[in-house]
Every structure is written in C-alpha cells, then in structure tokens.
mmCIF file of all heavy atoms, coordinates in Angstrom:
data_MODEL
# 
_entry.id   MODEL 
# 
loop_
_atom_site.group_PDB 
_atom_site.id 
_atom_site.type_symbol 
_atom_site.label_atom_id 
_atom_site.label_alt_id 
_atom_site.label_comp_id 
_atom_site.label_asym_id 
_atom_site.label_entity_id 
_atom_site.label_seq_id 
_atom_site.pdbx_PDB_ins_code 
_atom_site.Cartn_x 
_atom_site.Cartn_y 
_atom_site.Cartn_z 
_atom_site.occupancy 
_atom_site.B_iso_or_equiv 
_atom_site.pdbx_formal_charge 
_atom_site.auth_seq_id 
_atom_site.auth_comp_id 
_atom_site.auth_asym_id 
_atom_site.auth_atom_id 
_atom_site.pdbx_PDB_model_num 
ATOM 1   N N   . ALA A 1 1  ? -25.263 6.835  3.147   1.00 0.00 ? 1  ALA A N   1 
ATOM 2   C CA  . ALA A 1 1  ? -25.378 6.682  1.700   1.00 0.00 ? 1  ALA A CA  1 
ATOM 3   C C   . ALA A 1 1  ? -26.566 5.813  1.309   1.00 0.00 ? 1  ALA A C   1 
ATOM 4   O O   . ALA A 1 1  ? -27.202 6.040  0.270   1.00 0.00 ? 1  ALA A O   1 
ATOM 5   C CB  . ALA A 1 1  ? -24.088 6.093  1.127   1.00 0.00 ? 1  ALA A CB  1 
ATOM 6   N N   . GLY A 1 2  ? -26.895 4.812  2.136   1.00 0.00 ? 2  GLY A N   1 
ATOM 7   C CA  . GLY A 1 2  ? -28.038 3.947  1.827   1.00 0.00 ? 2  GLY A CA  1 
ATOM 8   C C   . GLY A 1 2  ? -29.344 4.700  1.706   1.00 0.00 ? 2  GLY A C   1 
ATOM 9   O O   . GLY A 1 2  ? -30.104 4.481  0.752   1.00 0.00 ? 2  GLY A O   1 
ATOM 10  N N   . PRO A 1 3  ? -29.651 5.608  2.647   1.00 0.00 ? 3  PRO A N   1 
ATOM 11  C CA  . PRO A 1 3  ? -30.882 6.393  2.499   1.00 0.00 ? 3  PRO A CA  1 
ATOM 12  C C   . PRO A 1 3  ? -30.940 7.212  1.211   1.00 0.00 ? 3  PRO A C   1 
ATOM 13  O O   . PRO A 1 3  ? -32.034 7.484  0.703   1.00 0.00 ? 3  PRO A O   1 
ATOM 14  C CB  . PRO A 1 3  ? -30.856 7.302  3.737   1.00 0.00 ? 3  PRO A CB  1 
ATOM 15  C CG  . PRO A 1 3  ? -30.134 6.497  4.757   1.00 0.00 ? 3  PRO A CG  1 
ATOM 16  C CD  . PRO A 1 3  ? -29.057 5.780  3.985   1.00 0.00 ? 3  PRO A CD  1 
ATOM 17  N N   . VAL A 1 4  ? -29.786 7.603  0.676   1.00 0.00 ? 4  VAL A N   1 
ATOM 18  C CA  . VAL A 1 4  ? -29.779 8.308  -0.614  1.00 0.00 ? 4  VAL A CA  1 
ATOM 19  C C   . VAL A 1 4  ? -30.353 7.401  -1.696  1.00 0.00 ? 4  VAL A C   1 
ATOM 20  O O   . VAL A 1 4  ? -31.175 7.825  -2.521  1.00 0.00 ? 4  VAL A O   1 
ATOM 21  C CB  . VAL A 1 4  ? -28.347 8.749  -0.994  1.00 0.00 ? 4  VAL A CB  1 
ATOM 22  C CG1 . VAL A 1 4  ? -28.313 9.295  -2.421  1.00 0.00 ? 4  VAL A CG1 1 
ATOM 23  C CG2 . VAL A 1 4  ? -27.836 9.798  -0.007  1.00 0.00 ? 4  VAL A CG2 1 
ATOM 24  N N   . VAL A 1 5  ? -29.941 6.138  -1.682  1.00 0.00 ? 5  VAL A N   1 
ATOM 25  C CA  . VAL A 1 5  ? -30.429 5.176  -2.674  1.00 0.00 ? 5  VAL A CA  1 
ATOM 26  C C   . VAL A 1 5  ? -31.934 4.973  -2.520  1.00 0.00 ? 5  VAL A C   1 
ATOM 27  O O   . VAL A 1 5  ? -32.685 4.949  -3.504  1.00 0.00 ? 5  VAL A O   1 
ATOM 28  C CB  . VAL A 1 5  ? -29.683 3.834  -2.531  1.00 0.00 ? 5  VAL A CB  1 
ATOM 29  C CG1 . VAL A 1 5  ? -30.254 2.797  -3.495  1.00 0.00 ? 5  VAL A CG1 1 
ATOM 30  C CG2 . VAL A 1 5  ? -28.190 4.028  -2.759  1.00 0.00 ? 5  VAL A CG2 1 
ATOM 31  N N   . VAL A 1 6  ? -32.389 4.834  -1.276  1.00 0.00 ? 6  VAL A N   1 
ATOM 32  C CA  . VAL A 1 6  ? -33.827 4.647  -1.032  1.00 0.00 ? 6  VAL A CA  1 
ATOM 33  C C   . VAL A 1 6  ? -34.611 5.872  -1.480  1.00 0.00 ? 6  VAL A C   1 
ATOM 34  O O   . VAL A 1 6  ? -35.639 5.761  -2.162  1.00 0.00 ? 6  VAL A O   1 
ATOM 35  C CB  . VAL A 1 6  ? -34.082 4.357  0.464   1.00 0.00 ? 6  VAL A CB  1 
ATOM 36  C CG1 . VAL A 1 6  ? -35.588 4.296  0.738   1.00 0.00 ? 6  VAL A CG1 1 
ATOM 37  C CG2 . VAL A 1 6  ? -33.423 3.052  0.883   1.00 0.00 ? 6  VAL A CG2 1 
ATOM 38  N N   . GLY A 1 7  ? -34.129 7.063  -1.108  1.00 0.00 ? 7  GLY A N   1 
ATOM 39  C CA  . GLY A 1 7  ? -34.809 8.289  -1.504  1.00 0.00 ? 7  GLY A CA  1 
ATOM 40  C C   . GLY A 1 7  ? -34.883 8.443  -3.013  1.00 0.00 ? 7  GLY A C   1 
ATOM 41  O O   . GLY A 1 7  ? -35.922 8.836  -3.565  1.00 0.00 ? 7  GLY A O   1 
ATOM 42  N N   . ALA A 1 8  ? -33.782 8.122  -3.705  1.00 0.00 ? 8  ALA A N   1 
ATOM 43  C CA  . ALA A 1 8  ? -33.756 8.228  -5.163  1.00 0.00 ? 8  ALA A CA  1 
ATOM 44  C C   . ALA A 1 8  ? -34.709 7.226  -5.802  1.00 0.00 ? 8  ALA A C   1 
ATOM 45  O O   . ALA A 1 8  ? -35.414 7.541  -6.774  1.00 0.00 ? 8  ALA A O   1 
ATOM 46  C CB  . ALA A 1 8  ? -32.332 8.008  -5.677  1.00 0.00 ? 8  ALA A CB  1 
ATOM 47  N N   . THR A 1 9  ? -34.753 6.020  -5.255  1.00 0.00 ? 9  THR A N   1 
ATOM 48  C CA  . THR A 1 9  ? -35.597 4.968  -5.829  1.00 0.00 ? 9  THR A CA  1 
ATOM 49  C C   . THR A 1 9  ? -37.076 5.357  -5.801  1.00 0.00 ? 9  THR A C   1 
ATOM 50  O O   . THR A 1 9  ? -37.803 5.166  -6.787  1.00 0.00 ? 9  THR A O   1 
ATOM 51  C CB  . THR A 1 9  ? -35.393 3.656  -5.053  1.00 0.00 ? 9  THR A CB  1 
ATOM 52  O OG1 . THR A 1 9  ? -34.027 3.253  -5.165  1.00 0.00 ? 9  THR A OG1 1 
ATOM 53  C CG2 . THR A 1 9  ? -36.302 2.555  -5.585  1.00 0.00 ? 9  THR A CG2 1 
ATOM 54  N N   . TYR A 1 10 ? -37.514 5.939  -4.689  1.00 0.00 ? 10 TYR A N   1 
ATOM 55  C CA  . TYR A 1 10 ? -38.942 6.255  -4.556  1.00 0.00 ? 10 TYR A CA  1 
ATOM 56  C C   . TYR A 1 10 ? -39.308 7.622  -5.142  1.00 0.00 ? 10 TYR A C   1 
ATOM 57  O O   . TYR A 1 10 ? -40.490 7.911  -5.328  1.00 0.00 ? 10 TYR A O   1 
ATOM 58  C CB  . TYR A 1 10 ? -39.363 6.147  -3.090  1.00 0.00 ? 10 TYR A CB  1 
ATOM 59  C CG  . TYR A 1 10 ? -39.488 4.695  -2.680  1.00 0.00 ? 10 TYR A CG  1 
ATOM 60  C CD1 . TYR A 1 10 ? -38.405 4.013  -2.150  1.00 0.00 ? 10 TYR A CD1 1 
ATOM 61  C CD2 . TYR A 1 10 ? -40.678 4.007  -2.874  1.00 0.00 ? 10 TYR A CD2 1 
ATOM 62  C CE1 . TYR A 1 10 ? -38.508 2.664  -1.817  1.00 0.00 ? 10 TYR A CE1 1 
ATOM 63  C CE2 . TYR A 1 10 ? -40.790 2.670  -2.542  1.00 0.00 ? 10 TYR A CE2 1 
ATOM 64  C CZ  . TYR A 1 10 ? -39.694 1.995  -2.018  1.00 0.00 ? 10 TYR A CZ  1 
ATOM 65  O OH  . TYR A 1 10 ? -39.798 0.659  -1.700  1.00 0.00 ? 10 TYR A OH  1 
ATOM 66  N N   . ALA A 1 11 ? -38.293 8.426  -5.467  1.00 0.00 ? 11 ALA A N   1 
ATOM 67  C CA  . ALA A 1 11 ? -38.574 9.701  -6.126  1.00 0.00 ? 11 ALA A CA  1 
ATOM 68  C C   . ALA A 1 11 ? -38.499 9.583  -7.637  1.00 0.00 ? 11 ALA A C   1 
ATOM 69  O O   . ALA A 1 11 ? -39.120 10.357 -8.363  1.00 0.00 ? 11 ALA A O   1 
ATOM 70  C CB  . ALA A 1 11 ? -37.589 10.768 -5.652  1.00 0.00 ? 11 ALA A CB  1 
ATOM 71  N N   . ALA A 1 12 ? -37.728 8.606  -8.127  1.00 0.00 ? 12 ALA A N   1 
ATOM 72  C CA  . ALA A 1 12 ? -37.482 8.474  -9.564  1.00 0.00 ? 12 ALA A CA  1 
ATOM 73  C C   . ALA A 1 12 ? -38.752 8.056  -10.298 1.00 0.00 ? 12 ALA A C   1 
ATOM 74  O O   . ALA A 1 12 ? -39.516 7.214  -9.816  1.00 0.00 ? 12 ALA A O   1 
ATOM 75  C CB  . ALA A 1 12 ? -36.375 7.466  -9.814  1.00 0.00 ? 12 ALA A CB  1 
ATOM 76  N N   . SER A 1 13 ? -38.939 8.631  -11.447 1.00 0.00 ? 13 SER A N   1 
ATOM 77  C CA  . SER A 1 13 ? -40.060 8.223  -12.296 1.00 0.00 ? 13 SER A CA  1 
ATOM 78  C C   . SER A 1 13 ? -39.603 7.282  -13.403 1.00 0.00 ? 13 SER A C   1 
ATOM 79  O O   . SER A 1 13 ? -40.402 6.507  -13.940 1.00 0.00 ? 13 SER A O   1 
ATOM 80  C CB  . SER A 1 13 ? -40.744 9.460  -12.900 1.00 0.00 ? 13 SER A CB  1 
ATOM 81  O OG  . SER A 1 13 ? -39.807 10.305 -13.513 1.00 0.00 ? 13 SER A OG  1 
ATOM 82  N N   . VAL A 1 14 ? -38.310 7.342  -13.757 1.00 0.00 ? 14 VAL A N   1 
ATOM 83  C CA  . VAL A 1 14 ? -37.724 6.438  -14.745 1.00 0.00 ? 14 VAL A CA  1 
ATOM 84  C C   . VAL A 1 14 ? -36.359 6.007  -14.223 1.00 0.00 ? 14 VAL A C   1 
ATOM 85  O O   . VAL A 1 14 ? -35.735 6.724  -13.421 1.00 0.00 ? 14 VAL A O   1 
ATOM 86  C CB  . VAL A 1 14 ? -37.566 7.116  -16.131 1.00 0.00 ? 14 VAL A CB  1 
ATOM 87  C CG1 . VAL A 1 14 ? -38.926 7.430  -16.738 1.00 0.00 ? 14 VAL A CG1 1 
ATOM 88  C CG2 . VAL A 1 14 ? -36.722 8.375  -16.031 1.00 0.00 ? 14 VAL A CG2 1 
ATOM 89  N N   . PRO A 1 15 ? -35.853 4.842  -14.641 1.00 0.00 ? 15 PRO A N   1 
ATOM 90  C CA  . PRO A 1 15 ? -34.565 4.365  -14.138 1.00 0.00 ? 15 PRO A CA  1 
ATOM 91  C C   . PRO A 1 15 ? -33.412 5.358  -14.329 1.00 0.00 ? 15 PRO A C   1 
ATOM 92  O O   . PRO A 1 15 ? -32.494 5.404  -13.501 1.00 0.00 ? 15 PRO A O   1 
ATOM 93  C CB  . PRO A 1 15 ? -34.328 3.081  -14.937 1.00 0.00 ? 15 PRO A CB  1 
ATOM 94  C CG  . PRO A 1 15 ? -35.702 2.589  -15.257 1.00 0.00 ? 15 PRO A CG  1 
ATOM 95  C CD  . PRO A 1 15 ? -36.520 3.829  -15.490 1.00 0.00 ? 15 PRO A CD  1 
ATOM 96  N N   . ALA A 1 16 ? -33.466 6.151  -15.398 1.00 0.00 ? 16 ALA A N   1 
ATOM 97  C CA  . ALA A 1 16 ? -32.383 7.100  -15.653 1.00 0.00 ? 16 ALA A CA  1 
ATOM 98  C C   . ALA A 1 16 ? -32.224 8.107  -14.515 1.00 0.00 ? 16 ALA A C   1 
ATOM 99  O O   . ALA A 1 16 ? -31.130 8.637  -14.296 1.00 0.00 ? 16 ALA A O   1 
ATOM 100 C CB  . ALA A 1 16 ? -32.628 7.831  -16.972 1.00 0.00 ? 16 ALA A CB  1 
ATOM 101 N N   . ASP A 1 17 ? -33.309 8.380  -13.778 1.00 0.00 ? 17 ASP A N   1 
ATOM 102 C CA  . ASP A 1 17 ? -33.220 9.326  -12.657 1.00 0.00 ? 17 ASP A CA  1 
ATOM 103 C C   . ASP A 1 17 ? -32.250 8.840  -11.585 1.00 0.00 ? 17 ASP A C   1 
ATOM 104 O O   . ASP A 1 17 ? -31.663 9.639  -10.853 1.00 0.00 ? 17 ASP A O   1 
ATOM 105 C CB  . ASP A 1 17 ? -34.601 9.523  -12.017 1.00 0.00 ? 17 ASP A CB  1 
ATOM 106 C CG  . ASP A 1 17 ? -35.554 10.285 -12.920 1.00 0.00 ? 17 ASP A CG  1 
ATOM 107 O OD1 . ASP A 1 17 ? -35.078 10.982 -13.841 1.00 0.00 ? 17 ASP A OD1 1 
ATOM 108 O OD2 . ASP A 1 17 ? -36.780 10.183 -12.700 1.00 0.00 ? 17 ASP A OD2 1 
ATOM 109 N N   . LEU A 1 18 ? -32.094 7.515  -11.473 1.00 0.00 ? 18 LEU A N   1 
ATOM 110 C CA  . LEU A 1 18 ? -31.235 6.956  -10.434 1.00 0.00 ? 18 LEU A CA  1 
ATOM 111 C C   . LEU A 1 18 ? -29.762 7.261  -10.670 1.00 0.00 ? 18 LEU A C   1 
ATOM 112 O O   . LEU A 1 18 ? -28.965 7.239  -9.725  1.00 0.00 ? 18 LEU A O   1 
ATOM 113 C CB  . LEU A 1 18 ? -31.433 5.435  -10.346 1.00 0.00 ? 18 LEU A CB  1 
ATOM 114 C CG  . LEU A 1 18 ? -32.842 4.965  -9.987  1.00 0.00 ? 18 LEU A CG  1 
ATOM 115 C CD1 . LEU A 1 18 ? -32.944 3.459  -10.111 1.00 0.00 ? 18 LEU A CD1 1 
ATOM 116 C CD2 . LEU A 1 18 ? -33.198 5.412  -8.577  1.00 0.00 ? 18 LEU A CD2 1 
ATOM 117 N N   . ILE A 1 19 ? -29.401 7.508  -11.920 1.00 0.00 ? 19 ILE A N   1 
ATOM 118 C CA  . ILE A 1 19 ? -28.004 7.821  -12.223 1.00 0.00 ? 19 ILE A CA  1 
ATOM 119 C C   . ILE A 1 19 ? -27.865 9.250  -12.772 1.00 0.00 ? 19 ILE A C   1 
ATOM 120 O O   . ILE A 1 19 ? -26.924 9.556  -13.494 1.00 0.00 ? 19 ILE A O   1 
ATOM 121 C CB  . ILE A 1 19 ? -27.401 6.803  -13.223 1.00 0.00 ? 19 ILE A CB  1 
ATOM 122 C CG1 . ILE A 1 19 ? -28.253 6.691  -14.497 1.00 0.00 ? 19 ILE A CG1 1 
ATOM 123 C CG2 . ILE A 1 19 ? -27.247 5.440  -12.562 1.00 0.00 ? 19 ILE A CG2 1 
ATOM 124 C CD1 . ILE A 1 19 ? -27.613 5.843  -15.589 1.00 0.00 ? 19 ILE A CD1 1 
ATOM 125 N N   . SER A 1 20 ? -28.817 10.085 -12.401 1.00 0.00 ? 20 SER A N   1 
ATOM 126 C CA  . SER A 1 20 ? -28.707 11.496 -12.770 1.00 0.00 ? 20 SER A CA  1 
ATOM 127 C C   . SER A 1 20 ? -27.523 12.105 -12.033 1.00 0.00 ? 20 SER A C   1 
ATOM 128 O O   . SER A 1 20 ? -27.108 11.608 -10.971 1.00 0.00 ? 20 SER A O   1 
ATOM 129 C CB  . SER A 1 20 ? -29.989 12.239 -12.404 1.00 0.00 ? 20 SER A CB  1 
ATOM 130 O OG  . SER A 1 20 ? -30.166 12.251 -10.994 1.00 0.00 ? 20 SER A OG  1 
ATOM 131 N N   . PRO A 1 21 ? -26.922 13.177 -12.566 1.00 0.00 ? 21 PRO A N   1 
ATOM 132 C CA  . PRO A 1 21 ? -25.762 13.785 -11.904 1.00 0.00 ? 21 PRO A CA  1 
ATOM 133 C C   . PRO A 1 21 ? -26.018 14.158 -10.447 1.00 0.00 ? 21 PRO A C   1 
ATOM 134 O O   . PRO A 1 21 ? -25.162 13.954 -9.588  1.00 0.00 ? 21 PRO A O   1 
ATOM 135 C CB  . PRO A 1 21 ? -25.485 15.024 -12.771 1.00 0.00 ? 21 PRO A CB  1 
ATOM 136 C CG  . PRO A 1 21 ? -25.998 14.659 -14.121 1.00 0.00 ? 21 PRO A CG  1 
ATOM 137 C CD  . PRO A 1 21 ? -27.207 13.810 -13.870 1.00 0.00 ? 21 PRO A CD  1 
ATOM 138 N N   . VAL A 1 22 ? -27.216 14.690 -10.158 1.00 0.00 ? 22 VAL A N   1 
ATOM 139 C CA  . VAL A 1 22 ? -27.516 15.098 -8.781  1.00 0.00 ? 22 VAL A CA  1 
ATOM 140 C C   . VAL A 1 22 ? -27.581 13.887 -7.866  1.00 0.00 ? 22 VAL A C   1 
ATOM 141 O O   . VAL A 1 22 ? -27.043 13.910 -6.748  1.00 0.00 ? 22 VAL A O   1 
ATOM 142 C CB  . VAL A 1 22 ? -28.837 15.880 -8.767  1.00 0.00 ? 22 VAL A CB  1 
ATOM 143 C CG1 . VAL A 1 22 ? -29.675 15.606 -7.572  1.00 0.00 ? 22 VAL A CG1 1 
ATOM 144 C CG2 . VAL A 1 22 ? -28.573 17.357 -8.786  1.00 0.00 ? 22 VAL A CG2 1 
ATOM 145 N N   . ALA A 1 23 ? -28.223 12.796 -8.297  1.00 0.00 ? 23 ALA A N   1 
ATOM 146 C CA  . ALA A 1 23 ? -28.325 11.592 -7.473  1.00 0.00 ? 23 ALA A CA  1 
ATOM 147 C C   . ALA A 1 23 ? -26.952 10.991 -7.213  1.00 0.00 ? 23 ALA A C   1 
ATOM 148 O O   . ALA A 1 23 ? -26.634 10.599 -6.082  1.00 0.00 ? 23 ALA A O   1 
ATOM 149 C CB  . ALA A 1 23 ? -29.235 10.569 -8.150  1.00 0.00 ? 23 ALA A CB  1 
ATOM 150 N N   . LEU A 1 24 ? -26.115 10.935 -8.247  1.00 0.00 ? 24 LEU A N   1 
ATOM 151 C CA  . LEU A 1 24 ? -24.776 10.376 -8.073  1.00 0.00 ? 24 LEU A CA  1 
ATOM 152 C C   . LEU A 1 24 ? -23.911 11.252 -7.177  1.00 0.00 ? 24 LEU A C   1 
ATOM 153 O O   . LEU A 1 24 ? -23.132 10.749 -6.357  1.00 0.00 ? 24 LEU A O   1 
ATOM 154 C CB  . LEU A 1 24 ? -24.104 10.197 -9.444  1.00 0.00 ? 24 LEU A CB  1 
ATOM 155 C CG  . LEU A 1 24 ? -24.726 9.138  -10.356 1.00 0.00 ? 24 LEU A CG  1 
ATOM 156 C CD1 . LEU A 1 24 ? -24.015 9.115  -11.702 1.00 0.00 ? 24 LEU A CD1 1 
ATOM 157 C CD2 . LEU A 1 24 ? -24.676 7.756  -9.707  1.00 0.00 ? 24 LEU A CD2 1 
ATOM 158 N N   . ALA A 1 25 ? -24.037 12.568 -7.324  1.00 0.00 ? 25 ALA A N   1 
ATOM 159 C CA  . ALA A 1 25 ? -23.261 13.481 -6.490  1.00 0.00 ? 25 ALA A CA  1 
ATOM 160 C C   . ALA A 1 25 ? -23.668 13.372 -5.020  1.00 0.00 ? 25 ALA A C   1 
ATOM 161 O O   . ALA A 1 25 ? -22.821 13.377 -4.119  1.00 0.00 ? 25 ALA A O   1 
ATOM 162 C CB  . ALA A 1 25 ? -23.426 14.919 -6.983  1.00 0.00 ? 25 ALA A CB  1 
ATOM 163 N N   . LEU A 1 26 ? -24.967 13.263 -4.761  1.00 0.00 ? 26 LEU A N   1 
ATOM 164 C CA  . LEU A 1 26 ? -25.435 13.107 -3.386  1.00 0.00 ? 26 LEU A CA  1 
ATOM 165 C C   . LEU A 1 26 ? -24.953 11.779 -2.797  1.00 0.00 ? 26 LEU A C   1 
ATOM 166 O O   . LEU A 1 26 ? -24.533 11.721 -1.633  1.00 0.00 ? 26 LEU A O   1 
ATOM 167 C CB  . LEU A 1 26 ? -26.959 13.190 -3.330  1.00 0.00 ? 26 LEU A CB  1 
ATOM 168 C CG  . LEU A 1 26 ? -27.542 14.598 -3.496  1.00 0.00 ? 26 LEU A CG  1 
ATOM 169 C CD1 . LEU A 1 26 ? -29.060 14.526 -3.684  1.00 0.00 ? 26 LEU A CD1 1 
ATOM 170 C CD2 . LEU A 1 26 ? -27.204 15.485 -2.294  1.00 0.00 ? 26 LEU A CD2 1 
ATOM 171 N N   . PHE A 1 27 ? -25.016 10.719 -3.590  1.00 0.00 ? 27 PHE A N   1 
ATOM 172 C CA  . PHE A 1 27 ? -24.535 9.432  -3.099  1.00 0.00 ? 27 PHE A CA  1 
ATOM 173 C C   . PHE A 1 27 ? -23.049 9.510  -2.753  1.00 0.00 ? 27 PHE A C   1 
ATOM 174 O O   . PHE A 1 27 ? -22.623 9.035  -1.691  1.00 0.00 ? 27 PHE A O   1 
ATOM 175 C CB  . PHE A 1 27 ? -24.765 8.339  -4.144  1.00 0.00 ? 27 PHE A CB  1 
ATOM 176 C CG  . PHE A 1 27 ? -24.280 6.986  -3.703  1.00 0.00 ? 27 PHE A CG  1 
ATOM 177 C CD1 . PHE A 1 27 ? -25.055 6.201  -2.862  1.00 0.00 ? 27 PHE A CD1 1 
ATOM 178 C CD2 . PHE A 1 27 ? -23.045 6.506  -4.118  1.00 0.00 ? 27 PHE A CD2 1 
ATOM 179 C CE1 . PHE A 1 27 ? -24.607 4.950  -2.444  1.00 0.00 ? 27 PHE A CE1 1 
ATOM 180 C CE2 . PHE A 1 27 ? -22.591 5.263  -3.701  1.00 0.00 ? 27 PHE A CE2 1 
ATOM 181 C CZ  . PHE A 1 27 ? -23.372 4.483  -2.866  1.00 0.00 ? 27 PHE A CZ  1 
# 
C-alpha cells in the first residue's frame, strides 16, 4: 500500500488527485 501513496504523490498535479476515486480504490 505504501508504494501506492508514493506513486500517487509523484503522479498528482494537484492535491485533489491524491484522493481521487481511483487512487483511493488502489490504496
């Protein structure tokens, strides 16, 4: 699960991307 957070952090362009449905579902 940790790599999901890292991947989301460096792919996101705005903070809202971190809590997008796809990011949360993958986590």
